[in-house]
Amino acid sequence: MRIRIADIATYDGQQITIQGWLHNRRSSGKIHFLIVRDGTGFVQTVMSKAAVGDEAFTQADHLSQETSLSVTGTVRADARARGGYEIDVTQVEVHGAAHDYPITPKEHGVDYLLDRRHLWIRAERQTAILRIRHEVIDAVRDFLNSRDFILCDTPIFTPAACEGTTTLFPVQYFDDTTAFLTQSGQLYNEANAMALGKVYCFGPTFRAEKSKTRRHLTEFWMVEPEMAYADLNDVIELAEGLIVSVVSRVLDRRRQELEVLERDVSKLESIQAPFPRLTYDRAAQLLKDHGQPFAYGTDFGGTDETVLSEQFDRPVCVTHYPSRIKAFYMQPDPQQSDKALCVDMLAPEGYGEIIGGGQRLDDLDLLRERIEAHGLPQEAFDWYLDLRRYGTVPHGGFGMGIERCVAWICKLEHVRETIPYPRMLHRLYP
């Protein structure tokens, strides 16, 4: 009977077959201990000379790391064993030998590992991170679907900028036309919301920022919910609910992976709504009180976000940034016209912004002025202006970067480990 390692507890005392790869091997006299992985987990198998015979036992002496194999044997409960179970081996079948596997249990440099990312993802720590990434994505979809949001895919090829023209990747689009890789699906999602009420898009986005910080990738995945007839408070409440739901789901279903990462889960267990809220002005004062040099009227840098987020045990929502440092589509505060009805959610433990959004500008004339002030081509946004010409309403939403969220939940030093194949300023391989 062929089973997955993840399901091994169901088969105590039964003879089964595991198909996977040899993660590690050690020997003790007439016994081999083979650690096998199959993509769902790891299990120790015990191979004795008495059970398999001299020839098979001797052949196992030459099995090397990452050899693909099938192991047949009897499942045995053992509290001392990894996962609480071992397999007493009766047969081993080799499918593909691996020789001189380049990633050994010794320490390797990050560049060495990234050059071999296609192999590095087999490591226990990396598979734990990628399973948590999967759980985060699954939790996001379930949260939004359960609240009647409709998934609406948005284009990856776009004719114009959403966040700013300096961070666009141009692409030749037939003949003499230049298209750009999307920075966000938001503008199209606003149109979708006017048709369906509550929508979200979920896909890859691209930023040509020449940044080498631990928080930046040039290609990353983002979920972007958008709601018609919504204000800033609606946006913040949805964002809070999403984060609480995602963290709870990971704690519930991925404890084992968090243990592999040696994550302090007590930090995650404190993530409950409501989250603290600060205005930009209050946040600037808080930075000053903590001796952090900060030029009022500019955006927060990575160190600023770290200082702010470290003051709280859960994410903090910073609102009402100066309009001039936010995107052209942000709705101004009617009480303070120089401030935008926007929010950035900063993760605790120094992880910075994981969500950015707010209420969208719904006035046709003011939106037209903003597009012009930002030096954007009016003709590329004529369709977007139609949303204000034909039945405009207050609306809002946000974007959540999957990689930054995963980095925080896993407490990773760099977002490069949160995606199977990271794309960064100087890395396009493998």
Protein backbone atom coordinates (compact mmCIF):
# COMPACT_ATOMS: atom_id res chain seq x y z
CA MET A 1 0.00 0.00 0.00
CA ARG A 2 1.52 3.33 -1.08
CA ILE A 3 1.00 6.20 1.40
CA ARG A 4 2.17 9.73 2.09
CA ILE A 5 4.42 10.40 5.08
CA ALA A 6 1.92 13.01 6.27
CA ASP A 7 -0.66 10.22 6.74
CA ILE A 8 1.63 7.70 8.43
CA ALA A 9 -0.17 7.78 11.81
CA THR A 10 -3.18 6.15 10.16
CA TYR A 11 -1.17 3.03 9.28
CA ASP A 12 0.43 1.98 12.58
CA GLY A 13 1.30 -1.73 12.41
CA GLN A 14 0.61 -2.01 8.68
CA GLN A 15 2.97 -2.69 5.79
CA ILE A 16 3.24 0.31 3.50
CA THR A 17 5.41 1.85 0.78
CA ILE A 18 6.83 5.38 0.83
CA GLN A 19 8.04 6.93 -2.44
CA GLY A 20 10.48 9.77 -1.98
CA TRP A 21 14.11 10.83 -1.70
CA LEU A 22 16.89 10.02 0.75
CA HIS A 23 17.41 13.05 2.95
CA ASN A 24 20.11 11.59 5.17
CA ARG A 25 21.66 8.28 6.13
CA ARG A 26 23.64 7.00 9.08
CA SER A 27 24.69 3.51 10.05
CA SER A 28 25.25 1.68 13.31
CA GLY A 29 26.75 -1.78 12.89
CA LYS A 30 24.12 -3.94 11.29
CA ILE A 31 21.45 -1.19 11.07
CA HIS A 32 20.99 1.67 8.59
CA PHE A 33 18.85 4.65 9.57
CA LEU A 34 17.49 6.23 6.40
CA ILE A 35 15.70 9.58 6.69
CA VAL A 36 13.27 9.73 3.77
CA ARG A 37 11.22 12.71 2.56
CA ASP A 38 8.36 12.67 0.09
CA GLY A 39 7.25 16.29 -0.11
CA THR A 40 4.67 15.91 2.68
CA GLY A 41 7.11 15.20 5.49
CA PHE A 42 10.11 13.30 6.77
CA VAL A 43 10.30 9.86 8.38
CA GLN A 44 13.07 7.71 9.78
CA THR A 45 13.24 4.21 8.36
CA VAL A 46 15.18 1.44 10.10
CA MET A 47 16.90 -1.11 7.87
CA SER A 48 18.48 -4.13 9.55
CA LYS A 49 20.74 -6.67 7.86
CA ALA A 50 18.69 -9.46 9.41
CA ALA A 51 15.47 -8.19 7.78
CA VAL A 52 16.72 -7.41 4.26
CA GLY A 53 19.70 -9.68 3.81
CA ASP A 54 23.40 -9.01 3.21
CA GLU A 55 23.15 -7.94 -0.44
CA ALA A 56 20.41 -5.33 0.04
CA PHE A 57 22.06 -4.08 3.21
CA THR A 58 25.40 -3.64 1.44
CA GLN A 59 23.74 -1.81 -1.47
CA ALA A 60 22.18 0.61 0.98
CA ASP A 61 25.68 1.48 2.15
CA HIS A 62 26.16 3.34 -1.11
CA LEU A 63 22.91 5.32 -1.15
CA SER A 64 23.67 9.03 -1.29
CA GLN A 65 21.73 12.15 -0.41
CA GLU A 66 18.73 12.86 -2.71
CA THR A 67 18.67 9.43 -4.30
CA SER A 68 15.07 8.74 -5.28
CA LEU A 69 13.70 5.51 -3.88
CA SER A 70 10.73 3.52 -2.66
CA VAL A 71 10.87 2.09 0.85
CA THR A 72 8.57 -0.73 1.90
CA GLY A 73 8.15 -1.77 5.51
CA THR A 74 5.98 -1.84 8.62
CA VAL A 75 4.93 1.33 10.42
CA ARG A 76 5.85 1.33 14.11
CA ALA A 77 4.91 3.92 16.73
CA ASP A 78 7.90 5.30 18.64
CA ALA A 79 7.61 8.39 20.80
CA ARG A 80 11.33 9.08 20.35
CA ALA A 81 11.10 9.09 16.56
CA ARG A 82 10.61 12.09 14.38
CA GLY A 83 6.86 12.52 13.98
CA GLY A 84 6.22 9.68 16.44
CA TYR A 85 6.61 6.85 13.90
CA GLU A 86 9.31 4.82 12.20
CA ILE A 87 9.28 2.26 9.40
CA ASP A 88 10.93 -1.14 9.80
CA VAL A 89 12.26 -1.71 6.28
CA THR A 90 11.78 -4.92 4.33
CA GLN A 91 12.65 -3.63 0.86
CA VAL A 92 14.29 -0.63 -0.83
CA GLU A 93 13.96 0.09 -4.55
CA VAL A 94 16.22 2.77 -6.08
CA HIS A 95 14.74 4.82 -8.92
CA GLY A 96 17.43 7.42 -9.59
CA ALA A 97 20.86 7.62 -8.00
CA ALA A 98 22.20 11.01 -6.95
CA HIS A 99 25.96 11.55 -6.97
CA ASP A 100 27.83 14.45 -5.35
CA TYR A 101 24.69 16.37 -4.40
CA PRO A 102 25.92 19.98 -4.15
CA ILE A 103 23.98 21.05 -1.04
CA THR A 104 25.29 19.08 1.91
CA PRO A 105 24.42 19.43 5.62
CA LYS A 106 27.37 21.81 6.06
CA GLU A 107 26.96 25.59 5.94
CA HIS A 108 26.78 27.22 2.49
CA GLY A 109 26.75 30.90 1.56
CA VAL A 110 23.50 32.54 0.45
CA ASP A 111 24.73 33.21 -3.11
CA TYR A 112 25.80 29.59 -3.45
CA LEU A 113 22.36 28.44 -2.31
CA LEU A 114 20.47 30.91 -4.51
CA ASP A 115 22.44 29.76 -7.55
CA ARG A 116 21.09 26.31 -6.72
CA ARG A 117 17.63 27.41 -5.62
CA HIS A 118 16.03 24.62 -7.67
CA LEU A 119 17.76 22.19 -5.29
CA TRP A 120 17.76 24.34 -2.14
CA ILE A 121 13.96 24.22 -1.98
CA ARG A 122 14.27 20.53 -1.09
CA ALA A 123 15.76 21.42 2.31
CA GLU A 124 13.54 20.93 5.34
CA ARG A 125 13.54 24.60 6.29
CA GLN A 126 12.68 25.69 2.77
CA THR A 127 9.85 23.19 2.38
CA ALA A 128 8.44 24.37 5.73
CA ILE A 129 8.43 27.97 4.48
CA LEU A 130 6.78 27.04 1.18
CA ARG A 131 4.07 25.04 2.96
CA ILE A 132 3.34 28.06 5.15
CA ARG A 133 3.22 30.22 2.02
CA HIS A 134 0.64 27.82 0.60
CA GLU A 135 -1.40 28.05 3.81
CA VAL A 136 -1.29 31.84 3.76
CA ILE A 137 -2.55 31.92 0.17
CA ASP A 138 -5.24 29.35 0.90
CA ALA A 139 -6.36 31.30 3.98
CA VAL A 140 -6.54 34.56 2.00
CA ARG A 141 -8.75 33.00 -0.65
CA ASP A 142 -11.02 31.32 1.90
CA PHE A 143 -11.39 34.54 3.91
CA LEU A 144 -12.39 36.64 0.92
CA ASN A 145 -14.55 33.95 -0.69
CA SER A 146 -16.45 33.45 2.57
CA ARG A 147 -17.27 37.17 2.56
CA ASP A 148 -18.71 37.03 -0.97
CA PHE A 149 -15.76 38.64 -2.75
CA ILE A 150 -15.49 37.62 -6.40
CA LEU A 151 -12.09 36.76 -7.87
CA CYS A 152 -11.48 38.88 -10.98
CA ASP A 153 -8.17 38.43 -12.74
CA THR A 154 -6.53 41.63 -13.95
CA PRO A 155 -4.01 42.16 -16.78
CA ILE A 156 -0.28 41.63 -16.37
CA PHE A 157 0.36 43.72 -19.52
CA THR A 158 -0.78 47.29 -18.87
CA PRO A 159 -0.59 50.53 -20.90
CA ALA A 160 0.37 52.81 -18.00
CA ALA A 161 1.65 53.12 -14.46
CA CYS A 162 -0.36 52.57 -11.32
CA GLU A 163 2.19 53.37 -8.62
CA GLY A 164 4.71 55.51 -10.48
CA THR A 165 6.45 55.63 -13.85
CA THR A 166 9.97 55.16 -12.46
CA THR A 167 9.36 51.58 -11.33
CA LEU A 168 7.90 50.11 -14.52
CA PHE A 169 9.30 47.19 -16.54
CA PRO A 170 8.72 48.02 -20.24
CA VAL A 171 7.84 45.20 -22.65
CA GLN A 172 7.78 45.32 -26.43
CA TYR A 173 4.13 44.72 -27.38
CA PHE A 174 4.01 44.11 -31.13
CA ASP A 175 5.06 46.66 -33.73
CA ASP A 176 5.97 49.97 -32.07
CA THR A 177 3.83 49.65 -28.96
CA THR A 178 5.37 49.50 -25.49
CA ALA A 179 3.46 47.82 -22.70
CA PHE A 180 4.45 47.52 -19.04
CA LEU A 181 4.39 44.70 -16.51
CA THR A 182 1.75 45.45 -13.92
CA GLN A 183 2.63 47.11 -10.63
CA SER A 184 -0.83 46.38 -9.27
CA GLY A 185 -4.22 45.18 -10.45
CA GLN A 186 -5.97 47.87 -8.46
CA LEU A 187 -7.14 50.23 -11.20
CA TYR A 188 -8.80 47.40 -13.12
CA ASN A 189 -10.13 46.04 -9.87
CA GLU A 190 -11.92 49.33 -9.24
CA ALA A 191 -13.76 48.78 -12.51
CA ASN A 192 -14.55 45.21 -11.44
CA ALA A 193 -15.96 46.48 -8.14
CA MET A 194 -18.34 48.78 -9.98
CA ALA A 195 -19.71 45.70 -11.72
CA LEU A 196 -19.67 43.13 -8.91
CA GLY A 197 -19.55 45.11 -5.66
CA LYS A 198 -16.79 43.22 -3.82
CA VAL A 199 -13.89 41.75 -5.77
CA TYR A 200 -10.27 40.73 -5.48
CA CYS A 201 -7.40 39.95 -7.79
CA PHE A 202 -4.48 37.72 -6.90
CA GLY A 203 -1.38 37.44 -8.99
CA PRO A 204 2.20 38.47 -9.74
CA THR A 205 3.18 42.13 -9.73
CA PHE A 206 6.43 43.78 -10.79
CA ARG A 207 8.41 46.75 -9.49
CA ALA A 208 11.59 47.95 -11.17
CA GLU A 209 12.96 49.43 -7.95
CA LYS A 210 16.75 49.24 -7.76
CA SER A 211 16.55 48.19 -4.16
CA LYS A 212 18.59 45.54 -2.38
CA THR A 213 16.85 45.62 1.00
CA ARG A 214 15.64 42.49 2.77
CA ARG A 215 12.02 43.50 2.04
CA HIS A 216 12.18 43.90 -1.74
CA LEU A 217 11.70 41.62 -4.73
CA THR A 218 11.22 42.74 -8.32
CA GLU A 219 8.52 40.09 -8.84
CA PHE A 220 6.12 39.31 -6.04
CA TRP A 221 2.55 38.14 -5.46
CA MET A 222 -0.18 40.40 -4.16
CA VAL A 223 -3.82 40.01 -3.20
CA GLU A 224 -5.92 43.12 -3.77
CA PRO A 225 -9.52 43.31 -2.51
CA GLU A 226 -11.65 46.25 -3.65
CA MET A 227 -15.12 47.29 -2.44
CA ALA A 228 -17.77 49.62 -3.83
CA TYR A 229 -19.57 51.82 -1.31
CA ALA A 230 -16.71 51.62 1.19
CA ASP A 231 -14.73 54.15 3.20
CA LEU A 232 -11.36 54.06 4.98
CA ASN A 233 -12.79 52.39 8.09
CA ASP A 234 -14.27 49.61 5.97
CA VAL A 235 -10.87 49.06 4.37
CA ILE A 236 -9.06 48.89 7.73
CA GLU A 237 -11.60 46.51 9.24
CA LEU A 238 -11.32 44.17 6.26
CA ALA A 239 -7.50 44.25 6.45
CA GLU A 240 -7.57 43.50 10.19
CA GLY A 241 -9.93 40.58 9.68
CA LEU A 242 -7.78 39.18 6.89
CA ILE A 243 -4.56 39.24 8.92
CA VAL A 244 -6.18 37.73 12.02
CA SER A 245 -7.71 34.96 9.90
CA VAL A 246 -4.45 34.19 8.07
CA VAL A 247 -2.34 34.03 11.24
CA SER A 248 -4.94 31.89 13.00
CA ARG A 249 -5.04 29.48 10.06
CA VAL A 250 -1.26 29.07 10.01
CA LEU A 251 -1.18 28.47 13.77
CA ASP A 252 -3.93 25.88 13.43
CA ARG A 253 -2.59 23.94 10.46
CA ARG A 254 1.16 24.58 10.25
CA ARG A 255 2.46 24.20 13.80
CA GLN A 256 4.95 21.56 12.72
CA GLU A 257 6.43 23.85 10.08
CA LEU A 258 6.64 26.72 12.58
CA GLU A 259 8.53 24.38 14.91
CA VAL A 260 10.99 23.54 12.13
CA LEU A 261 11.60 27.30 11.76
CA GLU A 262 11.90 27.65 15.56
CA ARG A 263 9.27 30.38 15.42
CA ASP A 264 8.09 31.84 18.74
CA VAL A 265 4.38 31.17 18.24
CA SER A 266 3.41 33.23 21.30
CA LYS A 267 4.16 36.30 19.16
CA LEU A 268 1.63 35.12 16.60
CA GLU A 269 -0.97 34.07 19.16
CA SER A 270 -1.27 37.69 20.30
CA ILE A 271 -2.45 38.83 16.85
CA GLN A 272 -6.04 39.83 17.59
CA ALA A 273 -8.20 42.69 16.32
CA PRO A 274 -8.64 45.56 16.69
CA PHE A 275 -5.17 46.76 15.79
CA PRO A 276 -3.78 50.05 17.12
CA ARG A 277 -4.15 53.03 14.78
CA LEU A 278 -1.85 56.02 14.39
CA THR A 279 -2.11 59.01 12.14
CA TYR A 280 0.96 59.91 10.13
CA ASP A 281 1.46 62.96 12.38
CA ARG A 282 1.34 60.84 15.53
CA ALA A 283 3.72 58.30 14.01
CA ALA A 284 6.17 61.09 13.09
CA GLN A 285 6.06 62.34 16.67
CA LEU A 286 6.61 58.81 17.97
CA LEU A 287 9.73 58.52 15.84
CA LYS A 288 10.98 61.83 17.20
CA ASP A 289 10.31 60.68 20.77
CA HIS A 290 12.47 57.61 20.11
CA GLY A 291 15.34 59.67 18.72
CA GLN A 292 14.79 58.54 15.14
CA PRO A 293 15.82 61.17 12.56
CA PHE A 294 12.84 61.68 10.29
CA ALA A 295 11.98 64.45 7.83
CA TYR A 296 8.31 65.29 8.22
CA GLY A 297 6.47 65.16 4.91
CA THR A 298 8.47 62.22 3.55
CA ASP A 299 7.54 58.56 3.48
CA PHE A 300 8.71 56.22 6.21
CA GLY A 301 11.85 54.26 5.47
CA GLY A 302 12.54 50.69 6.53
CA THR A 303 14.17 51.74 9.81
CA ASP A 304 11.28 54.11 10.57
CA GLU A 305 8.75 51.32 10.04
CA THR A 306 10.80 49.02 12.25
CA VAL A 307 10.89 51.54 15.10
CA LEU A 308 7.13 52.14 14.83
CA SER A 309 6.15 48.48 14.62
CA GLU A 310 8.36 47.49 17.54
CA GLN A 311 6.17 49.57 19.85
CA PHE A 312 3.27 47.12 19.49
CA ASP A 313 2.64 43.38 19.86
CA ARG A 314 0.39 43.28 16.82
CA PRO A 315 0.20 45.09 13.47
CA VAL A 316 -0.31 48.85 13.63
CA CYS A 317 -2.31 50.86 11.08
CA VAL A 318 -0.83 54.22 10.10
CA THR A 319 -3.33 56.52 8.40
CA HIS A 320 -3.63 60.01 6.86
CA TYR A 321 -0.29 60.38 5.12
CA PRO A 322 0.38 63.64 3.25
CA SER A 323 -1.39 63.40 -0.12
CA ARG A 324 1.71 64.50 -2.02
CA ILE A 325 3.64 61.34 -1.09
CA LYS A 326 0.80 58.95 -1.93
CA ALA A 327 -0.54 57.67 -5.24
CA PHE A 328 -2.67 59.92 -7.44
CA TYR A 329 -5.85 57.91 -6.83
CA MET A 330 -6.05 58.46 -3.02
CA GLN A 331 -9.12 60.29 -1.68
CA PRO A 332 -8.26 63.45 0.28
CA ASP A 333 -9.54 63.79 3.82
CA PRO A 334 -12.46 66.28 3.71
CA GLN A 335 -11.29 67.69 7.07
CA GLN A 336 -7.63 67.99 6.03
CA SER A 337 -7.32 68.35 2.27
CA ASP A 338 -3.54 67.87 2.38
CA LYS A 339 -3.94 64.40 3.93
CA ALA A 340 -5.05 61.22 2.17
CA LEU A 341 -7.60 58.71 3.43
CA CYS A 342 -5.05 55.93 3.27
CA VAL A 343 -3.57 53.25 5.49
CA ASP A 344 -0.33 51.31 5.73
CA MET A 345 -0.36 48.28 8.03
CA LEU A 346 3.02 47.60 9.64
CA ALA A 347 3.75 44.11 10.95
CA PRO A 348 5.27 43.76 14.43
CA GLU A 349 8.79 42.55 15.25
CA GLY A 350 10.27 45.04 12.80
CA TYR A 351 8.78 43.65 9.59
CA GLY A 352 7.33 46.87 8.25
CA GLU A 353 4.56 47.37 5.72
CA ILE A 354 2.57 44.30 4.71
CA ILE A 355 -0.62 46.08 3.56
CA GLY A 356 -1.16 49.39 1.81
CA GLY A 357 -4.47 50.85 0.70
CA GLY A 358 -7.22 53.30 1.39
CA GLN A 359 -10.25 55.08 0.01
CA ARG A 360 -10.08 55.90 -3.71
CA LEU A 361 -10.64 59.30 -5.24
CA ASP A 362 -14.18 59.33 -6.64
CA ASP A 363 -14.39 62.91 -8.03
CA LEU A 364 -13.84 63.13 -11.80
CA ASP A 365 -12.36 66.63 -11.97
CA LEU A 366 -9.97 66.14 -9.04
CA LEU A 367 -8.83 62.78 -10.38
CA ARG A 368 -8.09 64.36 -13.74
CA GLU A 369 -6.04 67.06 -11.98
CA ARG A 370 -4.09 64.43 -10.04
CA ILE A 371 -3.24 62.46 -13.17
CA GLU A 372 -1.91 65.62 -14.78
CA ALA A 373 0.01 66.64 -11.65
CA HIS A 374 1.75 63.26 -11.57
CA GLY A 375 2.83 63.65 -15.18
CA LEU A 376 0.85 60.61 -16.33
CA PRO A 377 -0.53 60.29 -19.86
CA GLN A 378 -4.21 61.28 -19.79
CA GLU A 379 -5.11 59.10 -22.76
CA ALA A 380 -3.92 55.95 -20.97
CA PHE A 381 -6.34 56.64 -18.12
CA ASP A 382 -9.42 57.64 -20.07
CA TRP A 383 -11.07 54.31 -19.33
CA TYR A 384 -10.27 54.79 -15.62
CA LEU A 385 -11.90 58.24 -15.66
CA ASP A 386 -15.04 56.59 -17.07
CA LEU A 387 -15.54 54.99 -13.65
CA ARG A 388 -16.11 58.52 -12.29
CA ARG A 389 -18.21 59.62 -15.26
CA TYR A 390 -20.71 56.79 -15.03
CA GLY A 391 -22.03 56.18 -11.55
CA THR A 392 -19.13 57.08 -9.26
CA VAL A 393 -19.34 55.95 -5.62
CA PRO A 394 -17.06 55.97 -2.56
CA HIS A 395 -14.90 52.87 -2.78
CA GLY A 396 -11.67 51.48 -1.43
CA GLY A 397 -9.38 48.54 -1.00
CA PHE A 398 -5.81 47.48 -0.35
CA GLY A 399 -2.96 45.29 -1.49
CA MET A 400 -1.21 42.70 0.67
CA GLY A 401 2.18 41.38 -0.38
CA ILE A 402 2.28 37.63 0.15
CA GLU A 403 6.06 37.45 0.52
CA ARG A 404 6.26 40.13 3.20
CA CYS A 405 3.41 38.52 5.11
CA VAL A 406 5.10 35.11 4.95
CA ALA A 407 8.45 36.60 5.98
CA TRP A 408 6.84 38.06 9.09
CA ILE A 409 4.87 34.94 10.04
CA CYS A 410 7.98 32.76 9.58
CA LYS A 411 10.29 35.44 11.07
CA LEU A 412 12.73 35.34 8.17
CA GLU A 413 15.65 37.68 7.65
CA HIS A 414 14.89 38.21 3.94
CA VAL A 415 11.88 37.80 1.63
CA ARG A 416 14.00 35.83 -0.85
CA GLU A 417 13.16 32.59 1.02
CA THR A 418 9.40 33.15 0.81
CA ILE A 419 9.02 32.47 -2.91
CA PRO A 420 10.30 29.44 -4.84
CA TYR A 421 12.44 31.43 -7.29
CA PRO A 422 13.16 35.00 -6.11
CA ARG A 423 13.77 37.76 -8.62
CA MET A 424 15.93 40.57 -7.28
CA LEU A 425 18.02 43.44 -8.60
CA HIS A 426 20.95 41.21 -9.57
CA ARG A 427 19.28 37.82 -9.71
CA LEU A 428 17.35 36.34 -12.63
CA TYR A 429 18.69 32.76 -12.30
CA PRO A 430 17.65 29.99 -11.92
